[in-house]
């Protein structure tokens, strides 16, 4: 039986890329002397905060993302006349 696949999470993917970059800078610098290095968990938490901030700014500022969001919203047609509100008051 196949293992279930995880849903695509762009925030997690971006956070992973940020985390790898932060860890490589924090722990990969061998010529920096004995300076204190941040804890890996703190870097992971910072990665998620940065990824969420990036996605929020992307939705607000990026013209391509704004256009794609608008197209998605306009593609979903909604007509209030199609609703059957009378069924809300029927007893079951």
PDB file of N, CA and C in Angstrom:
ATOM      1  N   UNK A   1       0.841  -1.169   0.000  1.00  0.00           N
ATOM      2  CA  UNK A   1       0.000   0.000   0.000  1.00  0.00           C
ATOM      3  C   UNK A   1       0.890   1.238   0.000  1.00  0.00           C
ATOM      4  N   UNK A   2       0.525   2.207  -0.825  1.00  0.00           N
ATOM      5  CA  UNK A   2       1.305   3.438  -0.922  1.00  0.00           C
ATOM      6  C   UNK A   2       1.089   4.308   0.307  1.00  0.00           C
ATOM      7  N   UNK A   3       2.150   4.964   0.711  1.00  0.00           N
ATOM      8  CA  UNK A   3       2.055   5.895   1.834  1.00  0.00           C
ATOM      9  C   UNK A   3       1.332   7.153   1.361  1.00  0.00           C
ATOM     10  N   UNK A   4       0.474   7.730   2.207  1.00  0.00           N
ATOM     11  CA  UNK A   4      -0.225   8.949   1.783  1.00  0.00           C
ATOM     12  C   UNK A   4       0.773  10.091   1.604  1.00  0.00           C
ATOM     13  N   UNK A   5       0.542  10.883   0.588  1.00  0.00           N
ATOM     14  CA  UNK A   5       1.435  12.008   0.321  1.00  0.00           C
ATOM     15  C   UNK A   5       0.965  13.227   1.100  1.00  0.00           C
ATOM     16  N   UNK A   6       1.928  14.018   1.525  1.00  0.00           N
ATOM     17  CA  UNK A   6       1.611  15.241   2.256  1.00  0.00           C
ATOM     18  C   UNK A   6       1.094  16.282   1.273  1.00  0.00           C
ATOM     19  N   UNK A   7       0.169  17.127   1.721  1.00  0.00           N
ATOM     20  CA  UNK A   7      -0.266  18.213   0.852  1.00  0.00           C
ATOM     21  C   UNK A   7       0.870  19.220   0.655  1.00  0.00           C
ATOM     22  N   UNK A   8       0.865  19.876  -0.472  1.00  0.00           N
ATOM     23  CA  UNK A   8       1.895  20.863  -0.820  1.00  0.00           C
ATOM     24  C   UNK A   8       1.770  22.067   0.123  1.00  0.00           C
ATOM     25  N   UNK A   9       2.824  22.398   0.823  1.00  0.00           N
ATOM     26  CA  UNK A   9       2.835  23.540   1.734  1.00  0.00           C
ATOM     27  C   UNK A   9       3.963  24.483   1.328  1.00  0.00           C
ATOM     28  N   UNK A  10       3.640  25.569   0.597  1.00  0.00           N
ATOM     29  CA  UNK A  10       4.697  26.466   0.137  1.00  0.00           C
ATOM     30  C   UNK A  10       5.427  27.178   1.272  1.00  0.00           C
ATOM     31  N   UNK A  11       4.745  27.431   2.383  1.00  0.00           N
ATOM     32  CA  UNK A  11       5.403  28.093   3.521  1.00  0.00           C
ATOM     33  C   UNK A  11       6.485  27.177   4.082  1.00  0.00           C
ATOM     34  N   UNK A  12       6.166  25.884   4.219  1.00  0.00           N
ATOM     35  CA  UNK A  12       7.141  24.938   4.765  1.00  0.00           C
ATOM     36  C   UNK A  12       8.342  24.798   3.830  1.00  0.00           C
ATOM     37  N   UNK A  13       8.090  24.750   2.532  1.00  0.00           N
ATOM     38  CA  UNK A  13       9.199  24.631   1.574  1.00  0.00           C
ATOM     39  C   UNK A  13      10.110  25.854   1.630  1.00  0.00           C
ATOM     40  N   UNK A  14       9.513  27.051   1.683  1.00  0.00           N
ATOM     41  CA  UNK A  14      10.321  28.267   1.751  1.00  0.00           C
ATOM     42  C   UNK A  14      11.068  28.342   3.081  1.00  0.00           C
ATOM     43  N   UNK A  15      10.398  27.963   4.172  1.00  0.00           N
ATOM     44  CA  UNK A  15      11.047  27.976   5.483  1.00  0.00           C
ATOM     45  C   UNK A  15      12.244  27.036   5.503  1.00  0.00           C
ATOM     46  N   UNK A  16      12.127  25.888   4.840  1.00  0.00           N
ATOM     47  CA  UNK A  16      13.246  24.951   4.770  1.00  0.00           C
ATOM     48  C   UNK A  16      14.428  25.568   4.028  1.00  0.00           C
ATOM     49  N   UNK A  17      14.164  26.248   2.928  1.00  0.00           N
ATOM     50  CA  UNK A  17      15.242  26.900   2.184  1.00  0.00           C
ATOM     51  C   UNK A  17      15.900  28.000   3.015  1.00  0.00           C
ATOM     52  N   UNK A  18      15.079  28.776   3.716  1.00  0.00           N
ATOM     53  CA  UNK A  18      15.621  29.834   4.573  1.00  0.00           C
ATOM     54  C   UNK A  18      16.447  29.226   5.695  1.00  0.00           C
ATOM     55  N   UNK A  19      15.933  28.143   6.304  1.00  0.00           N
ATOM     56  CA  UNK A  19      16.633  27.481   7.410  1.00  0.00           C
ATOM     57  C   UNK A  19      18.003  26.977   6.961  1.00  0.00           C
ATOM     58  N   UNK A  20      18.055  26.354   5.809  1.00  0.00           N
ATOM     59  CA  UNK A  20      19.336  25.854   5.297  1.00  0.00           C
ATOM     60  C   UNK A  20      20.323  27.007   5.114  1.00  0.00           C
ATOM     61  N   UNK A  21      19.847  28.125   4.582  1.00  0.00           N
ATOM     62  CA  UNK A  21      20.715  29.289   4.413  1.00  0.00           C
ATOM     63  C   UNK A  21      21.198  29.853   5.735  1.00  0.00           C
ATOM     64  N   UNK A  22      20.282  29.949   6.712  1.00  0.00           N
ATOM     65  CA  UNK A  22      20.670  30.490   8.021  1.00  0.00           C
ATOM     66  C   UNK A  22      21.667  29.582   8.740  1.00  0.00           C
ATOM     67  N   UNK A  23      21.413  28.280   8.701  1.00  0.00           N
ATOM     68  CA  UNK A  23      22.310  27.335   9.372  1.00  0.00           C
ATOM     69  C   UNK A  23      23.682  27.342   8.719  1.00  0.00           C
ATOM     70  N   UNK A  24      23.706  27.392   7.393  1.00  0.00           N
ATOM     71  CA  UNK A  24      25.011  27.388   6.719  1.00  0.00           C
ATOM     72  C   UNK A  24      25.807  28.644   7.050  1.00  0.00           C
ATOM     73  N   UNK A  25      25.126  29.766   7.222  1.00  0.00           N
ATOM     74  CA  UNK A  25      25.844  30.997   7.598  1.00  0.00           C
ATOM     75  C   UNK A  25      26.272  30.975   9.058  1.00  0.00           C
ATOM     76  N   UNK A  26      25.399  30.442   9.924  1.00  0.00           N
ATOM     77  CA  UNK A  26      25.700  30.455  11.355  1.00  0.00           C
ATOM     78  C   UNK A  26      26.771  29.442  11.731  1.00  0.00           C
ATOM     79  N   UNK A  27      26.724  28.261  11.115  1.00  0.00           N
ATOM     80  CA  UNK A  27      27.634  27.187  11.515  1.00  0.00           C
ATOM     81  C   UNK A  27      28.732  26.899  10.495  1.00  0.00           C
ATOM     82  N   UNK A  28      28.612  27.452   9.303  1.00  0.00           N
ATOM     83  CA  UNK A  28      29.591  27.164   8.270  1.00  0.00           C
ATOM     84  C   UNK A  28      30.790  28.084   8.264  1.00  0.00           C
ATOM     85  N   UNK A  29      30.717  29.185   8.975  1.00  0.00           N
ATOM     86  CA  UNK A  29      31.811  30.156   9.007  1.00  0.00           C
ATOM     87  C   UNK A  29      32.874  29.671   9.994  1.00  0.00           C
ATOM     88  N   UNK A  30      33.940  29.097   9.490  1.00  0.00           N
ATOM     89  CA  UNK A  30      34.983  28.565  10.369  1.00  0.00           C
ATOM     90  C   UNK A  30      36.000  29.621  10.765  1.00  0.00           C
ATOM     91  N   UNK A  31      36.073  30.713  10.021  1.00  0.00           N
ATOM     92  CA  UNK A  31      37.070  31.736  10.317  1.00  0.00           C
ATOM     93  C   UNK A  31      36.563  32.823  11.243  1.00  0.00           C
ATOM     94  N   UNK A  32      35.358  32.687  11.781  1.00  0.00           N
ATOM     95  CA  UNK A  32      34.758  33.735  12.591  1.00  0.00           C
ATOM     96  C   UNK A  32      35.162  33.712  14.043  1.00  0.00           C
ATOM     97  N   UNK A  33      35.964  32.781  14.436  1.00  0.00           N
ATOM     98  CA  UNK A  33      36.366  32.716  15.843  1.00  0.00           C
ATOM     99  C   UNK A  33      35.324  31.989  16.679  1.00  0.00           C
ATOM    100  N   UNK A  34      35.373  32.248  17.957  1.00  0.00           N
ATOM    101  CA  UNK A  34      34.477  31.582  18.904  1.00  0.00           C
ATOM    102  C   UNK A  34      33.323  32.497  19.289  1.00  0.00           C
ATOM    103  N   UNK A  35      32.570  32.946  18.330  1.00  0.00           N
ATOM    104  CA  UNK A  35      31.404  33.767  18.636  1.00  0.00           C
ATOM    105  C   UNK A  35      30.226  32.860  18.984  1.00  0.00           C
ATOM    106  N   UNK A  36      29.291  33.332  19.773  1.00  0.00           N
ATOM    107  CA  UNK A  36      28.134  32.501  20.122  1.00  0.00           C
ATOM    108  C   UNK A  36      27.272  32.245  18.889  1.00  0.00           C
ATOM    109  N   UNK A  37      26.806  31.029  18.782  1.00  0.00           N
ATOM    110  CA  UNK A  37      25.991  30.652  17.629  1.00  0.00           C
ATOM    111  C   UNK A  37      24.559  30.400  18.094  1.00  0.00           C
ATOM    112  N   UNK A  38      23.588  30.797  17.266  1.00  0.00           N
ATOM    113  CA  UNK A  38      22.190  30.610  17.661  1.00  0.00           C
ATOM    114  C   UNK A  38      21.815  29.123  17.704  1.00  0.00           C
ATOM    115  N   UNK A  39      20.840  28.820  18.530  1.00  0.00           N
ATOM    116  CA  UNK A  39      20.350  27.454  18.636  1.00  0.00           C
ATOM    117  C   UNK A  39      19.614  27.080  17.348  1.00  0.00           C
ATOM    118  N   UNK A  40      19.738  25.827  16.894  1.00  0.00           N
ATOM    119  CA  UNK A  40      19.052  25.402  15.670  1.00  0.00           C
ATOM    120  C   UNK A  40      17.534  25.587  15.734  1.00  0.00           C
ATOM    121  N   UNK A  41      16.928  25.365  16.902  1.00  0.00           N
ATOM    122  CA  UNK A  41      15.481  25.532  17.023  1.00  0.00           C
ATOM    123  C   UNK A  41      15.088  26.991  16.812  1.00  0.00           C
ATOM    124  N   UNK A  42      15.893  27.912  17.320  1.00  0.00           N
ATOM    125  CA  UNK A  42      15.614  29.336  17.130  1.00  0.00           C
ATOM    126  C   UNK A  42      15.706  29.703  15.647  1.00  0.00           C
ATOM    127  N   UNK A  43      16.666  29.125  14.950  1.00  0.00           N
ATOM    128  CA  UNK A  43      16.788  29.378  13.510  1.00  0.00           C
ATOM    129  C   UNK A  43      15.589  28.808  12.759  1.00  0.00           C
ATOM    130  N   UNK A  44      15.097  27.648  13.177  1.00  0.00           N
ATOM    131  CA  UNK A  44      13.924  27.052  12.526  1.00  0.00           C
ATOM    132  C   UNK A  44      12.692  27.927  12.725  1.00  0.00           C
ATOM    133  N   UNK A  45      12.515  28.413  13.955  1.00  0.00           N
ATOM    134  CA  UNK A  45      11.368  29.281  14.227  1.00  0.00           C
ATOM    135  C   UNK A  45      11.459  30.571  13.422  1.00  0.00           C
ATOM    136  N   UNK A  46      12.648  31.145  13.340  1.00  0.00           N
ATOM    137  CA  UNK A  46      12.849  32.356  12.561  1.00  0.00           C
ATOM    138  C   UNK A  46      12.575  32.095  11.079  1.00  0.00           C
ATOM    139  N   UNK A  47      12.916  30.920  10.596  1.00  0.00           N
ATOM    140  CA  UNK A  47      12.688  30.573   9.197  1.00  0.00           C
ATOM    141  C   UNK A  47      11.204  30.594   8.864  1.00  0.00           C
ATOM    142  N   UNK A  48      10.381  30.039   9.758  1.00  0.00           N
ATOM    143  CA  UNK A  48       8.941  30.032   9.511  1.00  0.00           C
ATOM    144  C   UNK A  48       8.356  31.440   9.572  1.00  0.00           C
ATOM    145  N   UNK A  49       8.826  32.256  10.496  1.00  0.00           N
ATOM    146  CA  UNK A  49       8.342  33.638  10.597  1.00  0.00           C
ATOM    147  C   UNK A  49       8.703  34.404   9.319  1.00  0.00           C
ATOM    148  N   UNK A  50       9.918  34.231   8.844  1.00  0.00           N
ATOM    149  CA  UNK A  50      10.348  34.909   7.621  1.00  0.00           C
ATOM    150  C   UNK A  50       9.571  34.411   6.404  1.00  0.00           C
ATOM    151  N   UNK A  51       9.316  33.112   6.327  1.00  0.00           N
ATOM    152  CA  UNK A  51       8.561  32.553   5.200  1.00  0.00           C
ATOM    153  C   UNK A  51       7.127  33.084   5.194  1.00  0.00           C
ATOM    154  N   UNK A  52       6.500  33.147   6.366  1.00  0.00           N
ATOM    155  CA  UNK A  52       5.136  33.668   6.440  1.00  0.00           C
ATOM    156  C   UNK A  52       5.097  35.143   6.067  1.00  0.00           C
ATOM    157  N   UNK A  53       6.077  35.911   6.510  1.00  0.00           N
ATOM    158  CA  UNK A  53       6.143  37.330   6.169  1.00  0.00           C
ATOM    159  C   UNK A  53       6.350  37.518   4.671  1.00  0.00           C
ATOM    160  N   UNK A  54       7.183  36.667   4.079  1.00  0.00           N
ATOM    161  CA  UNK A  54       7.422  36.759   2.641  1.00  0.00           C
ATOM    162  C   UNK A  54       6.141  36.479   1.863  1.00  0.00           C
ATOM    163  N   UNK A  55       5.421  35.428   2.231  1.00  0.00           N
ATOM    164  CA  UNK A  55       4.188  35.095   1.520  1.00  0.00           C
ATOM    165  C   UNK A  55       3.122  36.172   1.710  1.00  0.00           C
ATOM    166  N   UNK A  56       3.048  36.769   2.892  1.00  0.00           N
ATOM    167  CA  UNK A  56       2.088  37.854   3.113  1.00  0.00           C
ATOM    168  C   UNK A  56       2.426  39.054   2.239  1.00  0.00           C
ATOM    169  N   UNK A  57       3.693  39.428   2.184  1.00  0.00           N
ATOM    170  CA  UNK A  57       4.111  40.556   1.348  1.00  0.00           C
ATOM    171  C   UNK A  57       3.922  40.232  -0.129  1.00  0.00           C
ATOM    172  N   UNK A  58       4.154  38.987  -0.503  1.00  0.00           N
ATOM    173  CA  UNK A  58       3.983  38.571  -1.899  1.00  0.00           C
ATOM    174  C   UNK A  58       2.531  38.730  -2.332  1.00  0.00           C
ATOM    175  N   UNK A  59       1.589  38.354  -1.451  1.00  0.00           N
ATOM    176  CA  UNK A  59       0.164  38.477  -1.787  1.00  0.00           C
ATOM    177  C   UNK A  59      -0.264  39.941  -1.886  1.00  0.00           C
ATOM    178  N   UNK A  60       0.425  40.824  -1.156  1.00  0.00           N
ATOM    179  CA  UNK A  60       0.049  42.238  -1.156  1.00  0.00           C
ATOM    180  C   UNK A  60       0.749  43.047  -2.247  1.00  0.00           C
ATOM    181  N   UNK A  61       1.976  42.690  -2.589  1.00  0.00           N
ATOM    182  CA  UNK A  61       2.791  43.554  -3.438  1.00  0.00           C
ATOM    183  C   UNK A  61       3.064  43.017  -4.844  1.00  0.00           C
ATOM    184  N   UNK A  62       3.125  41.717  -5.024  1.00  0.00           N
ATOM    185  CA  UNK A  62       3.520  41.131  -6.299  1.00  0.00           C
ATOM    186  C   UNK A  62       2.362  41.202  -7.295  1.00  0.00           C
ATOM    187  N   UNK A  63       2.504  41.930  -8.402  1.00  0.00           N
ATOM    188  CA  UNK A  63       1.410  42.055  -9.368  1.00  0.00           C
ATOM    189  C   UNK A  63       0.969  40.716  -9.958  1.00  0.00           C
ATOM    190  N   UNK A  64       1.897  39.801 -10.147  1.00  0.00           N
ATOM    191  CA  UNK A  64       1.543  38.493 -10.706  1.00  0.00           C
ATOM    192  C   UNK A  64       0.677  37.704  -9.727  1.00  0.00           C
ATOM    193  N   UNK A  65       1.013  37.734  -8.449  1.00  0.00           N
ATOM    194  CA  UNK A  65       0.231  37.024  -7.438  1.00  0.00           C
ATOM    195  C   UNK A  65      -1.137  37.671  -7.275  1.00  0.00           C
ATOM    196  N   UNK A  66      -1.195  38.994  -7.305  1.00  0.00           N
ATOM    197  CA  UNK A  66      -2.467  39.707  -7.182  1.00  0.00           C
ATOM    198  C   UNK A  66      -3.372  39.346  -8.355  1.00  0.00           C
ATOM    199  N   UNK A  67      -2.824  39.316  -9.569  1.00  0.00           N
ATOM    200  CA  UNK A  67      -3.617  38.973 -10.743  1.00  0.00           C
ATOM    201  C   UNK A  67      -4.100  37.523 -10.690  1.00  0.00           C
ATOM    202  N   UNK A  68      -3.232  36.616 -10.240  1.00  0.00           N
ATOM    203  CA  UNK A  68      -3.630  35.210 -10.152  1.00  0.00           C
ATOM    204  C   UNK A  68      -4.728  35.021  -9.113  1.00  0.00           C
ATOM    205  N   UNK A  69      -4.647  35.719  -8.000  1.00  0.00           N
ATOM    206  CA  UNK A  69      -5.677  35.631  -6.961  1.00  0.00           C
ATOM    207  C   UNK A  69      -6.993  36.189  -7.476  1.00  0.00           C
ATOM    208  N   UNK A  70      -6.939  37.303  -8.178  1.00  0.00           N
ATOM    209  CA  UNK A  70      -8.154  37.901  -8.725  1.00  0.00           C
ATOM    210  C   UNK A  70      -8.791  36.983  -9.764  1.00  0.00           C
ATOM    211  N   UNK A  71      -7.963  36.337 -10.589  1.00  0.00           N
ATOM    212  CA  UNK A  71      -8.495  35.421 -11.596  1.00  0.00           C
ATOM    213  C   UNK A  71      -9.144  34.213 -10.946  1.00  0.00           C
ATOM    214  N   UNK A  72      -8.562  33.721  -9.886  1.00  0.00           N
ATOM    215  CA  UNK A  72      -9.133  32.575  -9.179  1.00  0.00           C
ATOM    216  C   UNK A  72     -10.467  32.939  -8.554  1.00  0.00           C
ATOM    217  N   UNK A  73     -10.538  34.119  -7.958  1.00  0.00           N
ATOM    218  CA  UNK A  73     -11.792  34.555  -7.335  1.00  0.00           C
ATOM    219  C   UNK A  73     -12.871  34.781  -8.384  1.00  0.00           C
ATOM    220  N   UNK A  74     -12.521  35.347  -9.528  1.00  0.00           N
ATOM    221  CA  UNK A  74     -13.519  35.614 -10.550  1.00  0.00           C
ATOM    222  C   UNK A  74     -13.948  34.331 -11.257  1.00  0.00           C
ATOM    223  N   UNK A  75     -13.131  33.302 -11.228  1.00  0.00           N
ATOM    224  CA  UNK A  75     -13.486  32.038 -11.871  1.00  0.00           C
ATOM    225  C   UNK A  75     -14.562  31.298 -11.090  1.00  0.00           C
ATOM    226  N   UNK A  76     -14.639  31.522  -9.812  1.00  0.00           N
ATOM    227  CA  UNK A  76     -15.652  30.871  -8.989  1.00  0.00           C
ATOM    228  C   UNK A  76     -16.905  31.735  -9.013  1.00  0.00           C
ATOM    229  N   UNK A  77     -17.857  31.354  -9.860  1.00  0.00           N
ATOM    230  CA  UNK A  77     -19.090  32.122 -10.011  1.00  0.00           C
ATOM    231  C   UNK A  77     -20.039  31.789  -8.865  1.00  0.00           C
ATOM    232  N   UNK A  78     -20.609  32.808  -8.292  1.00  0.00           N
ATOM    233  CA  UNK A  78     -21.554  32.642  -7.204  1.00  0.00           C
ATOM    234  C   UNK A  78     -22.774  33.490  -7.508  1.00  0.00           C
ATOM    235  N   UNK A  79     -23.926  32.858  -7.444  1.00  0.00           N
ATOM    236  CA  UNK A  79     -25.164  33.566  -7.671  1.00  0.00           C
ATOM    237  C   UNK A  79     -26.082  33.282  -6.492  1.00  0.00           C
ATOM    238  N   UNK A  80     -26.450  34.313  -5.777  1.00  0.00           N
ATOM    239  CA  UNK A  80     -27.291  34.137  -4.593  1.00  0.00           C
ATOM    240  C   UNK A  80     -28.659  33.590  -4.955  1.00  0.00           C
ATOM    241  N   UNK A  81     -29.094  33.770  -6.193  1.00  0.00           N
ATOM    242  CA  UNK A  81     -30.393  33.255  -6.613  1.00  0.00           C
ATOM    243  C   UNK A  81     -30.415  31.723  -6.618  1.00  0.00           C
ATOM    244  N   UNK A  82     -29.257  31.106  -6.686  1.00  0.00           N
ATOM    245  CA  UNK A  82     -29.182  29.643  -6.704  1.00  0.00           C
ATOM    246  C   UNK A  82     -29.338  29.031  -5.319  1.00  0.00           C
ATOM    247  N   UNK A  83     -29.315  29.841  -4.285  1.00  0.00           N
ATOM    248  CA  UNK A  83     -29.426  29.322  -2.929  1.00  0.00           C
ATOM    249  C   UNK A  83     -30.875  28.999  -2.581  1.00  0.00           C
ATOM    250  N   UNK A  84     -31.088  27.935  -1.843  1.00  0.00           N
ATOM    251  CA  UNK A  84     -32.406  27.555  -1.370  1.00  0.00           C
ATOM    252  C   UNK A  84     -32.458  27.852   0.123  1.00  0.00           C
ATOM    253  N   UNK A  85     -32.756  29.091   0.469  1.00  0.00           N
ATOM    254  CA  UNK A  85     -32.774  29.489   1.863  1.00  0.00           C
ATOM    255  C   UNK A  85     -34.010  28.974   2.594  1.00  0.00           C
ATOM    256  N   UNK A  86     -35.050  28.593   1.861  1.00  0.00           N
ATOM    257  CA  UNK A  86     -36.245  28.054   2.490  1.00  0.00           C
ATOM    258  C   UNK A  86     -35.987  26.753   3.202  1.00  0.00           C
ATOM    259  N   UNK A  87     -34.974  26.005   2.765  1.00  0.00           N
ATOM    260  CA  UNK A  87     -34.683  24.732   3.401  1.00  0.00           C
ATOM    261  C   UNK A  87     -34.091  24.902   4.785  1.00  0.00           C
ATOM    262  N   UNK A  88     -33.661  26.098   5.141  1.00  0.00           N
ATOM    263  CA  UNK A  88     -33.096  26.334   6.465  1.00  0.00           C
ATOM    264  C   UNK A  88     -34.156  26.273   7.558  1.00  0.00           C
ATOM    265  N   UNK A  89     -35.401  26.576   7.194  1.00  0.00           N
ATOM    266  CA  UNK A  89     -36.462  26.648   8.189  1.00  0.00           C
ATOM    267  C   UNK A  89     -37.293  25.362   8.267  1.00  0.00           C
ATOM    268  N   UNK A  90     -37.006  24.390   7.455  1.00  0.00           N
ATOM    269  CA  UNK A  90     -37.739  23.115   7.491  1.00  0.00           C
ATOM    270  C   UNK A  90     -37.301  22.310   8.706  1.00  0.00           C
ATOM    271  N   UNK A  91     -38.239  21.668   9.340  1.00  0.00           N
ATOM    272  CA  UNK A  91     -37.890  20.781  10.464  1.00  0.00           C
ATOM    273  C   UNK A  91     -37.508  19.425   9.915  1.00  0.00           C
ATOM    274  N   UNK A  92     -36.616  18.808  10.555  1.00  0.00           N
ATOM    275  CA  UNK A  92     -36.105  17.512  10.087  1.00  0.00           C
ATOM    276  C   UNK A  92     -36.738  16.385  10.832  1.00  0.00           C
TER     277      UNK A  92
END
